[in-house]
All heavy atoms as atom14 arrays in JSON, in Angstrom:
{
  "sequence": "LDVFGEVADAMAQALKGGLPPHPRSQAIRSVTLPFLEQAWRQPDEG",
  "atom14_mask": [
    [1, 1, 1, 1, 1, 1, 1, 1, 0, 0, 0, 0, 0, 0],
    [1, 1, 1, 1, 1, 1, 1, 1, 0, 0, 0, 0, 0, 0],
    [1, 1, 1, 1, 1, 1, 1, 0, 0, 0, 0, 0, 0, 0],
    [1, 1, 1, 1, 1, 1, 1, 1, 1, 1, 1, 0, 0, 0],
    [1, 1, 1, 1, 0, 0, 0, 0, 0, 0, 0, 0, 0, 0],
    [1, 1, 1, 1, 1, 1, 1, 1, 1, 0, 0, 0, 0, 0],
    [1, 1, 1, 1, 1, 1, 1, 0, 0, 0, 0, 0, 0, 0],
    [1, 1, 1, 1, 1, 0, 0, 0, 0, 0, 0, 0, 0, 0],
    [1, 1, 1, 1, 1, 1, 1, 1, 0, 0, 0, 0, 0, 0],
    [1, 1, 1, 1, 1, 0, 0, 0, 0, 0, 0, 0, 0, 0],
    [1, 1, 1, 1, 1, 1, 1, 1, 0, 0, 0, 0, 0, 0],
    [1, 1, 1, 1, 1, 0, 0, 0, 0, 0, 0, 0, 0, 0],
    [1, 1, 1, 1, 1, 1, 1, 1, 1, 0, 0, 0, 0, 0],
    [1, 1, 1, 1, 1, 0, 0, 0, 0, 0, 0, 0, 0, 0],
    [1, 1, 1, 1, 1, 1, 1, 1, 0, 0, 0, 0, 0, 0],
    [1, 1, 1, 1, 1, 1, 1, 1, 1, 0, 0, 0, 0, 0],
    [1, 1, 1, 1, 0, 0, 0, 0, 0, 0, 0, 0, 0, 0],
    [1, 1, 1, 1, 0, 0, 0, 0, 0, 0, 0, 0, 0, 0],
    [1, 1, 1, 1, 1, 1, 1, 1, 0, 0, 0, 0, 0, 0],
    [1, 1, 1, 1, 1, 1, 1, 0, 0, 0, 0, 0, 0, 0],
    [1, 1, 1, 1, 1, 1, 1, 0, 0, 0, 0, 0, 0, 0],
    [1, 1, 1, 1, 1, 1, 1, 1, 1, 1, 0, 0, 0, 0],
    [1, 1, 1, 1, 1, 1, 1, 0, 0, 0, 0, 0, 0, 0],
    [1, 1, 1, 1, 1, 1, 1, 1, 1, 1, 1, 0, 0, 0],
    [1, 1, 1, 1, 1, 1, 0, 0, 0, 0, 0, 0, 0, 0],
    [1, 1, 1, 1, 1, 1, 1, 1, 1, 0, 0, 0, 0, 0],
    [1, 1, 1, 1, 1, 0, 0, 0, 0, 0, 0, 0, 0, 0],
    [1, 1, 1, 1, 1, 1, 1, 1, 0, 0, 0, 0, 0, 0],
    [1, 1, 1, 1, 1, 1, 1, 1, 1, 1, 1, 0, 0, 0],
    [1, 1, 1, 1, 1, 1, 0, 0, 0, 0, 0, 0, 0, 0],
    [1, 1, 1, 1, 1, 1, 1, 0, 0, 0, 0, 0, 0, 0],
    [1, 1, 1, 1, 1, 1, 1, 0, 0, 0, 0, 0, 0, 0],
    [1, 1, 1, 1, 1, 1, 1, 1, 0, 0, 0, 0, 0, 0],
    [1, 1, 1, 1, 1, 1, 1, 0, 0, 0, 0, 0, 0, 0],
    [1, 1, 1, 1, 1, 1, 1, 1, 1, 1, 1, 0, 0, 0],
    [1, 1, 1, 1, 1, 1, 1, 1, 0, 0, 0, 0, 0, 0],
    [1, 1, 1, 1, 1, 1, 1, 1, 1, 0, 0, 0, 0, 0],
    [1, 1, 1, 1, 1, 1, 1, 1, 1, 0, 0, 0, 0, 0],
    [1, 1, 1, 1, 1, 0, 0, 0, 0, 0, 0, 0, 0, 0],
    [1, 1, 1, 1, 1, 1, 1, 1, 1, 1, 1, 1, 1, 1],
    [1, 1, 1, 1, 1, 1, 1, 1, 1, 1, 1, 0, 0, 0],
    [1, 1, 1, 1, 1, 1, 1, 1, 1, 0, 0, 0, 0, 0],
    [1, 1, 1, 1, 1, 1, 1, 0, 0, 0, 0, 0, 0, 0],
    [1, 1, 1, 1, 1, 1, 1, 1, 0, 0, 0, 0, 0, 0],
    [1, 1, 1, 1, 1, 1, 1, 1, 1, 0, 0, 0, 0, 0],
    [1, 1, 1, 1, 0, 0, 0, 0, 0, 0, 0, 0, 0, 0]
  ],
  "atom14_positions": [
    [[129.73, 105.7, 66.56], [129.23, 105.24, 67.82], [130.27, 104.24, 68.51], [130.17, 103.99, 69.71], [128.03, 104.48, 67.67], [126.78, 105.28, 67.17], [125.59, 104.48, 66.68], [126.4, 106.25, 68.31], [0.0, 0.0, 0.0], [0.0, 0.0, 0.0], [0.0, 0.0, 0.0], [0.0, 0.0, 0.0], [0.0, 0.0, 0.0], [0.0, 0.0, 0.0]],
    [[131.16, 103.71, 67.76], [132.14, 102.81, 68.31], [132.98, 103.37, 69.39], [133.55, 102.73, 70.3], [133.04, 102.19, 67.2], [133.96, 103.18, 66.53], [133.38, 104.08, 65.88], [135.17, 103.08, 66.63], [0.0, 0.0, 0.0], [0.0, 0.0, 0.0], [0.0, 0.0, 0.0], [0.0, 0.0, 0.0], [0.0, 0.0, 0.0], [0.0, 0.0, 0.0]],
    [[133.18, 104.73, 69.41], [134.11, 105.33, 70.41], [133.6, 105.18, 71.78], [134.35, 105.12, 72.75], [134.39, 106.85, 70.12], [135.12, 106.97, 68.69], [133.1, 107.62, 70.17], [0.0, 0.0, 0.0], [0.0, 0.0, 0.0], [0.0, 0.0, 0.0], [0.0, 0.0, 0.0], [0.0, 0.0, 0.0], [0.0, 0.0, 0.0], [0.0, 0.0, 0.0]],
    [[132.25, 105.04, 71.97], [131.64, 104.83, 73.29], [132.1, 103.46, 73.78], [132.46, 103.33, 75.05], [130.2, 104.92, 73.22], [129.62, 106.31, 72.98], [129.39, 106.71, 71.66], [129.42, 107.17, 73.99], [128.96, 107.99, 71.41], [128.95, 108.5, 73.76], [128.72, 108.93, 72.51], [0.0, 0.0, 0.0], [0.0, 0.0, 0.0], [0.0, 0.0, 0.0]],
    [[132.15, 102.49, 72.92], [132.64, 101.18, 73.31], [134.18, 101.22, 73.71], [134.65, 100.6, 74.67], [0.0, 0.0, 0.0], [0.0, 0.0, 0.0], [0.0, 0.0, 0.0], [0.0, 0.0, 0.0], [0.0, 0.0, 0.0], [0.0, 0.0, 0.0], [0.0, 0.0, 0.0], [0.0, 0.0, 0.0], [0.0, 0.0, 0.0], [0.0, 0.0, 0.0]],
    [[134.9, 101.99, 72.88], [136.29, 102.06, 73.16], [136.63, 102.72, 74.52], [137.45, 102.25, 75.31], [137.04, 102.83, 72.06], [137.04, 102.18, 70.71], [137.93, 101.01, 70.66], [138.7, 100.68, 71.63], [137.84, 100.28, 69.56], [0.0, 0.0, 0.0], [0.0, 0.0, 0.0], [0.0, 0.0, 0.0], [0.0, 0.0, 0.0], [0.0, 0.0, 0.0]],
    [[135.89, 103.72, 74.83], [136.12, 104.43, 76.13], [135.74, 103.54, 77.28], [136.43, 103.31, 78.23], [135.26, 105.73, 76.13], [135.28, 106.28, 77.61], [135.82, 106.77, 75.2], [0.0, 0.0, 0.0], [0.0, 0.0, 0.0], [0.0, 0.0, 0.0], [0.0, 0.0, 0.0], [0.0, 0.0, 0.0], [0.0, 0.0, 0.0], [0.0, 0.0, 0.0]],
    [[134.65, 102.79, 77.12], [134.14, 101.9, 78.2], [135.21, 100.77, 78.32], [135.44, 100.3, 79.5], [132.76, 101.28, 77.83], [0.0, 0.0, 0.0], [0.0, 0.0, 0.0], [0.0, 0.0, 0.0], [0.0, 0.0, 0.0], [0.0, 0.0, 0.0], [0.0, 0.0, 0.0], [0.0, 0.0, 0.0], [0.0, 0.0, 0.0], [0.0, 0.0, 0.0]],
    [[135.62, 100.27, 77.24], [136.64, 99.11, 77.35], [137.92, 99.62, 77.93], [138.61, 98.92, 78.61], [136.8, 98.51, 75.93], [137.24, 97.1, 76.01], [137.1, 96.47, 77.09], [137.85, 96.54, 74.96], [0.0, 0.0, 0.0], [0.0, 0.0, 0.0], [0.0, 0.0, 0.0], [0.0, 0.0, 0.0], [0.0, 0.0, 0.0], [0.0, 0.0, 0.0]],
    [[138.3, 100.82, 77.47], [139.6, 101.32, 78.08], [139.51, 101.48, 79.55], [140.45, 101.14, 80.35], [139.89, 102.75, 77.42], [0.0, 0.0, 0.0], [0.0, 0.0, 0.0], [0.0, 0.0, 0.0], [0.0, 0.0, 0.0], [0.0, 0.0, 0.0], [0.0, 0.0, 0.0], [0.0, 0.0, 0.0], [0.0, 0.0, 0.0], [0.0, 0.0, 0.0]],
    [[138.38, 101.98, 80.08], [138.16, 102.04, 81.57], [138.27, 100.78, 82.23], [138.87, 100.52, 83.23], [136.95, 102.89, 81.9], [136.98, 104.25, 81.47], [135.67, 105.31, 82.16], [134.25, 104.74, 81.14], [0.0, 0.0, 0.0], [0.0, 0.0, 0.0], [0.0, 0.0, 0.0], [0.0, 0.0, 0.0], [0.0, 0.0, 0.0], [0.0, 0.0, 0.0]],
    [[137.6, 99.8, 81.58], [137.48, 98.44, 82.18], [138.88, 97.73, 82.09], [139.3, 97.14, 83.14], [136.46, 97.53, 81.37], [0.0, 0.0, 0.0], [0.0, 0.0, 0.0], [0.0, 0.0, 0.0], [0.0, 0.0, 0.0], [0.0, 0.0, 0.0], [0.0, 0.0, 0.0], [0.0, 0.0, 0.0], [0.0, 0.0, 0.0], [0.0, 0.0, 0.0]],
    [[139.59, 97.85, 80.98], [140.86, 97.17, 80.94], [141.9, 97.84, 81.8], [142.82, 97.24, 82.27], [141.35, 97.2, 79.52], [140.4, 96.39, 78.54], [140.29, 94.93, 78.85], [141.25, 94.32, 79.52], [139.21, 94.36, 78.56], [0.0, 0.0, 0.0], [0.0, 0.0, 0.0], [0.0, 0.0, 0.0], [0.0, 0.0, 0.0], [0.0, 0.0, 0.0]],
    [[141.74, 99.16, 82.06], [142.67, 99.86, 82.9], [142.53, 99.32, 84.34], [143.52, 99.09, 85.05], [142.35, 101.37, 82.92], [0.0, 0.0, 0.0], [0.0, 0.0, 0.0], [0.0, 0.0, 0.0], [0.0, 0.0, 0.0], [0.0, 0.0, 0.0], [0.0, 0.0, 0.0], [0.0, 0.0, 0.0], [0.0, 0.0, 0.0], [0.0, 0.0, 0.0]],
    [[141.29, 99.09, 84.82], [141.1, 98.49, 86.17], [141.63, 97.06, 86.18], [142.37, 96.66, 87.14], [139.63, 98.46, 86.42], [138.96, 99.75, 86.81], [137.45, 99.53, 86.91], [139.51, 100.3, 88.03], [0.0, 0.0, 0.0], [0.0, 0.0, 0.0], [0.0, 0.0, 0.0], [0.0, 0.0, 0.0], [0.0, 0.0, 0.0], [0.0, 0.0, 0.0]],
    [[141.35, 96.28, 85.07], [141.85, 94.93, 85.05], [143.3, 94.88, 84.99], [143.99, 93.93, 85.54], [141.2, 94.25, 83.82], [141.45, 92.76, 83.71], [140.63, 92.3, 82.49], [140.94, 90.81, 82.23], [140.16, 90.38, 81.06], [0.0, 0.0, 0.0], [0.0, 0.0, 0.0], [0.0, 0.0, 0.0], [0.0, 0.0, 0.0], [0.0, 0.0, 0.0]],
    [[143.92, 95.83, 84.4], [145.42, 95.83, 84.21], [146.13, 96.38, 85.47], [147.38, 96.33, 85.51], [0.0, 0.0, 0.0], [0.0, 0.0, 0.0], [0.0, 0.0, 0.0], [0.0, 0.0, 0.0], [0.0, 0.0, 0.0], [0.0, 0.0, 0.0], [0.0, 0.0, 0.0], [0.0, 0.0, 0.0], [0.0, 0.0, 0.0], [0.0, 0.0, 0.0]],
    [[145.41, 96.9, 86.42], [146.14, 97.3, 87.6], [146.11, 98.82, 87.97], [146.57, 99.28, 89.02], [0.0, 0.0, 0.0], [0.0, 0.0, 0.0], [0.0, 0.0, 0.0], [0.0, 0.0, 0.0], [0.0, 0.0, 0.0], [0.0, 0.0, 0.0], [0.0, 0.0, 0.0], [0.0, 0.0, 0.0], [0.0, 0.0, 0.0], [0.0, 0.0, 0.0]],
    [[145.56, 99.55, 87.1], [145.42, 101.05, 87.33], [144.29, 101.19, 88.37], [143.23, 100.48, 88.4], [145.07, 101.87, 86.1], [146.12, 102.03, 85.1], [145.64, 102.96, 83.98], [147.49, 102.51, 85.68], [0.0, 0.0, 0.0], [0.0, 0.0, 0.0], [0.0, 0.0, 0.0], [0.0, 0.0, 0.0], [0.0, 0.0, 0.0], [0.0, 0.0, 0.0]],
    [[144.5, 102.27, 89.3], [143.42, 102.4, 90.37], [142.16, 102.95, 89.64], [142.22, 103.54, 88.53], [144.09, 103.43, 91.24], [145.1, 104.2, 90.43], [145.62, 103.13, 89.42], [0.0, 0.0, 0.0], [0.0, 0.0, 0.0], [0.0, 0.0, 0.0], [0.0, 0.0, 0.0], [0.0, 0.0, 0.0], [0.0, 0.0, 0.0], [0.0, 0.0, 0.0]],
    [[141.02, 102.77, 90.24], [139.78, 103.37, 89.64], [139.89, 104.84, 89.49], [140.43, 105.54, 90.33], [138.71, 102.93, 90.74], [139.28, 101.8, 91.46], [140.75, 102.01, 91.55], [0.0, 0.0, 0.0], [0.0, 0.0, 0.0], [0.0, 0.0, 0.0], [0.0, 0.0, 0.0], [0.0, 0.0, 0.0], [0.0, 0.0, 0.0], [0.0, 0.0, 0.0]],
    [[139.33, 105.32, 88.29], [139.39, 106.72, 88.09], [138.19, 107.28, 88.73], [137.05, 106.86, 88.79], [139.35, 107.01, 86.54], [139.72, 108.42, 86.24], [138.77, 109.49, 86.45], [140.75, 109.05, 85.84], [139.35, 110.65, 86.02], [140.63, 110.33, 85.7], [0.0, 0.0, 0.0], [0.0, 0.0, 0.0], [0.0, 0.0, 0.0], [0.0, 0.0, 0.0]],
    [[138.36, 108.48, 89.48], [137.25, 109.05, 90.22], [136.09, 109.47, 89.37], [134.97, 109.67, 89.87], [137.9, 110.26, 90.92], [139.11, 110.55, 90.16], [139.58, 109.2, 89.66], [0.0, 0.0, 0.0], [0.0, 0.0, 0.0], [0.0, 0.0, 0.0], [0.0, 0.0, 0.0], [0.0, 0.0, 0.0], [0.0, 0.0, 0.0], [0.0, 0.0, 0.0]],
    [[136.28, 109.58, 88.0], [135.17, 110.05, 87.25], [134.62, 108.99, 86.35], [133.72, 109.23, 85.61], [135.64, 111.22, 86.29], [135.98, 112.5, 87.05], [136.32, 113.7, 86.16], [135.34, 113.88, 85.24], [135.44, 113.85, 83.87], [136.61, 113.46, 83.36], [134.52, 114.13, 83.07], [0.0, 0.0, 0.0], [0.0, 0.0, 0.0], [0.0, 0.0, 0.0]],
    [[135.11, 107.79, 86.56], [134.6, 106.64, 85.69], [133.09, 106.45, 85.8], [132.36, 106.32, 84.78], [135.34, 105.36, 85.98], [136.73, 105.52, 85.63], [0.0, 0.0, 0.0], [0.0, 0.0, 0.0], [0.0, 0.0, 0.0], [0.0, 0.0, 0.0], [0.0, 0.0, 0.0], [0.0, 0.0, 0.0], [0.0, 0.0, 0.0], [0.0, 0.0, 0.0]],
    [[132.59, 106.41, 87.01], [131.2, 106.13, 87.25], [130.32, 107.19, 86.69], [129.28, 107.02, 86.1], [130.94, 105.86, 88.7], [129.41, 105.53, 89.05], [128.89, 104.39, 88.24], [129.63, 103.34, 88.21], [127.74, 104.47, 87.7], [0.0, 0.0, 0.0], [0.0, 0.0, 0.0], [0.0, 0.0, 0.0], [0.0, 0.0, 0.0], [0.0, 0.0, 0.0]],
    [[130.82, 108.48, 86.93], [130.0, 109.6, 86.47], [129.97, 109.63, 84.94], [128.92, 109.94, 84.33], [130.65, 110.87, 86.94], [0.0, 0.0, 0.0], [0.0, 0.0, 0.0], [0.0, 0.0, 0.0], [0.0, 0.0, 0.0], [0.0, 0.0, 0.0], [0.0, 0.0, 0.0], [0.0, 0.0, 0.0], [0.0, 0.0, 0.0], [0.0, 0.0, 0.0]],
    [[131.0, 109.22, 84.22], [130.99, 109.2, 82.73], [130.11, 108.09, 82.29], [129.2, 108.29, 81.36], [132.44, 109.0, 82.29], [133.24, 110.23, 82.42], [132.41, 108.54, 80.81], [134.72, 110.11, 82.03], [0.0, 0.0, 0.0], [0.0, 0.0, 0.0], [0.0, 0.0, 0.0], [0.0, 0.0, 0.0], [0.0, 0.0, 0.0], [0.0, 0.0, 0.0]],
    [[130.13, 107.0, 82.92], [129.12, 105.91, 82.49], [127.71, 106.28, 82.77], [126.83, 105.92, 81.97], [129.38, 104.59, 83.35], [130.6, 103.75, 82.82], [130.6, 102.46, 83.42], [130.91, 102.44, 84.88], [132.03, 102.42, 85.4], [133.2, 102.33, 84.61], [132.31, 102.45, 86.72], [0.0, 0.0, 0.0], [0.0, 0.0, 0.0], [0.0, 0.0, 0.0]],
    [[127.41, 107.04, 83.85], [126.04, 107.41, 84.16], [125.44, 108.38, 83.16], [124.2, 108.46, 83.03], [126.03, 108.08, 85.58], [126.65, 109.34, 85.6], [0.0, 0.0, 0.0], [0.0, 0.0, 0.0], [0.0, 0.0, 0.0], [0.0, 0.0, 0.0], [0.0, 0.0, 0.0], [0.0, 0.0, 0.0], [0.0, 0.0, 0.0], [0.0, 0.0, 0.0]],
    [[126.25, 109.09, 82.39], [125.68, 109.97, 81.32], [125.86, 109.43, 79.94], [124.97, 109.67, 79.08], [126.32, 111.38, 81.46], [126.0, 112.11, 82.73], [127.82, 111.3, 81.22], [0.0, 0.0, 0.0], [0.0, 0.0, 0.0], [0.0, 0.0, 0.0], [0.0, 0.0, 0.0], [0.0, 0.0, 0.0], [0.0, 0.0, 0.0], [0.0, 0.0, 0.0]],
    [[126.94, 108.63, 79.67], [127.1, 108.18, 78.29], [126.23, 107.01, 77.97], [125.78, 106.89, 76.88], [128.6, 107.73, 78.09], [129.02, 106.79, 79.02], [129.49, 108.98, 78.19], [0.0, 0.0, 0.0], [0.0, 0.0, 0.0], [0.0, 0.0, 0.0], [0.0, 0.0, 0.0], [0.0, 0.0, 0.0], [0.0, 0.0, 0.0], [0.0, 0.0, 0.0]],
    [[126.03, 106.09, 78.96], [125.27, 104.88, 78.62], [123.88, 105.27, 78.33], [123.2, 104.61, 77.51], [125.37, 103.86, 79.73], [126.84, 103.22, 79.96], [126.85, 102.32, 81.12], [127.16, 102.52, 78.58], [0.0, 0.0, 0.0], [0.0, 0.0, 0.0], [0.0, 0.0, 0.0], [0.0, 0.0, 0.0], [0.0, 0.0, 0.0], [0.0, 0.0, 0.0]],
    [[123.1, 106.1, 79.14], [121.76, 106.42, 78.79], [121.64, 107.02, 77.33], [120.7, 106.77, 76.59], [121.35, 107.38, 79.87], [122.16, 107.04, 81.05], [123.45, 106.6, 80.44], [0.0, 0.0, 0.0], [0.0, 0.0, 0.0], [0.0, 0.0, 0.0], [0.0, 0.0, 0.0], [0.0, 0.0, 0.0], [0.0, 0.0, 0.0], [0.0, 0.0, 0.0]],
    [[122.59, 107.87, 77.0], [122.68, 108.42, 75.7], [122.81, 107.29, 74.6], [122.1, 107.25, 73.59], [123.81, 109.43, 75.54], [124.07, 109.9, 74.16], [123.26, 110.73, 73.49], [125.22, 109.32, 73.43], [123.51, 111.15, 72.13], [125.41, 109.71, 72.07], [124.53, 110.58, 71.46], [0.0, 0.0, 0.0], [0.0, 0.0, 0.0], [0.0, 0.0, 0.0]],
    [[123.81, 106.42, 74.89], [124.08, 105.29, 73.9], [122.83, 104.32, 73.82], [122.63, 103.73, 72.79], [125.3, 104.61, 74.3], [125.76, 103.58, 73.26], [126.12, 104.27, 71.87], [127.12, 102.92, 73.78], [0.0, 0.0, 0.0], [0.0, 0.0, 0.0], [0.0, 0.0, 0.0], [0.0, 0.0, 0.0], [0.0, 0.0, 0.0], [0.0, 0.0, 0.0]],
    [[122.16, 104.15, 74.94], [120.95, 103.26, 74.99], [119.97, 103.67, 73.84], [119.25, 102.79, 73.35], [120.27, 103.41, 76.3], [119.19, 102.34, 76.57], [118.67, 102.47, 78.05], [118.91, 103.53, 78.71], [117.98, 101.56, 78.48], [0.0, 0.0, 0.0], [0.0, 0.0, 0.0], [0.0, 0.0, 0.0], [0.0, 0.0, 0.0], [0.0, 0.0, 0.0]],
    [[119.88, 104.92, 73.52], [119.01, 105.4, 72.44], [119.74, 105.47, 71.1], [119.27, 105.13, 70.1], [118.35, 106.79, 72.79], [117.63, 106.78, 74.09], [116.43, 105.86, 74.06], [115.77, 105.64, 73.16], [116.36, 105.16, 75.28], [0.0, 0.0, 0.0], [0.0, 0.0, 0.0], [0.0, 0.0, 0.0], [0.0, 0.0, 0.0], [0.0, 0.0, 0.0]],
    [[121.04, 105.9, 71.18], [121.77, 106.22, 69.98], [122.25, 105.07, 69.13], [122.53, 105.13, 67.94], [122.96, 107.09, 70.33], [0.0, 0.0, 0.0], [0.0, 0.0, 0.0], [0.0, 0.0, 0.0], [0.0, 0.0, 0.0], [0.0, 0.0, 0.0], [0.0, 0.0, 0.0], [0.0, 0.0, 0.0], [0.0, 0.0, 0.0], [0.0, 0.0, 0.0]],
    [[122.4, 103.89, 69.85], [123.0, 102.71, 69.14], [122.21, 102.27, 67.94], [122.74, 101.64, 67.03], [123.22, 101.61, 70.1], [122.05, 100.71, 70.49], [121.27, 100.94, 71.59], [121.52, 99.67, 69.85], [120.29, 99.99, 71.67], [120.4, 99.16, 70.53], [121.79, 98.93, 68.55], [119.54, 98.09, 70.16], [121.05, 97.98, 68.19], [119.96, 97.54, 68.95]],
    [[120.96, 102.61, 67.93], [120.13, 102.17, 66.78], [120.27, 103.08, 65.53], [119.68, 102.83, 64.5], [118.67, 102.17, 67.24], [118.32, 101.14, 68.34], [116.88, 101.18, 68.7], [116.56, 100.19, 69.78], [116.4, 98.9, 69.62], [116.58, 98.3, 68.44], [116.13, 98.14, 70.65], [0.0, 0.0, 0.0], [0.0, 0.0, 0.0], [0.0, 0.0, 0.0]],
    [[121.02, 104.21, 65.7], [121.23, 105.15, 64.62], [122.38, 104.68, 63.63], [123.22, 104.02, 64.1], [121.58, 106.51, 65.14], [120.58, 107.18, 66.04], [121.03, 108.47, 66.58], [121.86, 109.13, 65.99], [120.62, 108.95, 67.77], [0.0, 0.0, 0.0], [0.0, 0.0, 0.0], [0.0, 0.0, 0.0], [0.0, 0.0, 0.0], [0.0, 0.0, 0.0]],
    [[122.21, 105.0, 62.36], [123.39, 104.8, 61.57], [124.43, 105.85, 61.88], [124.21, 106.91, 62.47], [122.81, 105.09, 60.15], [121.68, 106.09, 60.4], [121.18, 105.65, 61.71], [0.0, 0.0, 0.0], [0.0, 0.0, 0.0], [0.0, 0.0, 0.0], [0.0, 0.0, 0.0], [0.0, 0.0, 0.0], [0.0, 0.0, 0.0], [0.0, 0.0, 0.0]],
    [[125.76, 105.54, 61.45], [126.82, 106.44, 61.73], [127.86, 106.45, 60.64], [127.68, 105.71, 59.64], [127.42, 106.18, 63.07], [128.23, 104.89, 63.12], [128.13, 104.03, 62.23], [129.04, 104.71, 64.05], [0.0, 0.0, 0.0], [0.0, 0.0, 0.0], [0.0, 0.0, 0.0], [0.0, 0.0, 0.0], [0.0, 0.0, 0.0], [0.0, 0.0, 0.0]],
    [[128.95, 107.22, 60.77], [129.99, 107.14, 59.74], [131.01, 106.05, 59.91], [131.75, 105.77, 59.09], [130.76, 108.47, 59.7], [130.06, 109.53, 58.82], [129.13, 110.37, 59.71], [128.93, 110.17, 60.95], [128.38, 111.24, 59.08], [0.0, 0.0, 0.0], [0.0, 0.0, 0.0], [0.0, 0.0, 0.0], [0.0, 0.0, 0.0], [0.0, 0.0, 0.0]],
    [[131.01, 105.42, 61.15], [131.73, 104.21, 61.39], [133.26, 104.45, 61.64], [133.84, 105.55, 61.38], [0.0, 0.0, 0.0], [0.0, 0.0, 0.0], [0.0, 0.0, 0.0], [0.0, 0.0, 0.0], [0.0, 0.0, 0.0], [0.0, 0.0, 0.0], [0.0, 0.0, 0.0], [0.0, 0.0, 0.0], [0.0, 0.0, 0.0], [0.0, 0.0, 0.0]]
  ]
}
């Protein structure tokens, strides 16, 4: 599950670091976050 946080942080830090917004960032958040909203309570391999 940690990879979802890595992807989100990468997108955020890219903006903060000066890269232009990616055209698919919002679309990715709109599908990954609802999934993670349920999945974060599950155990994983880490």
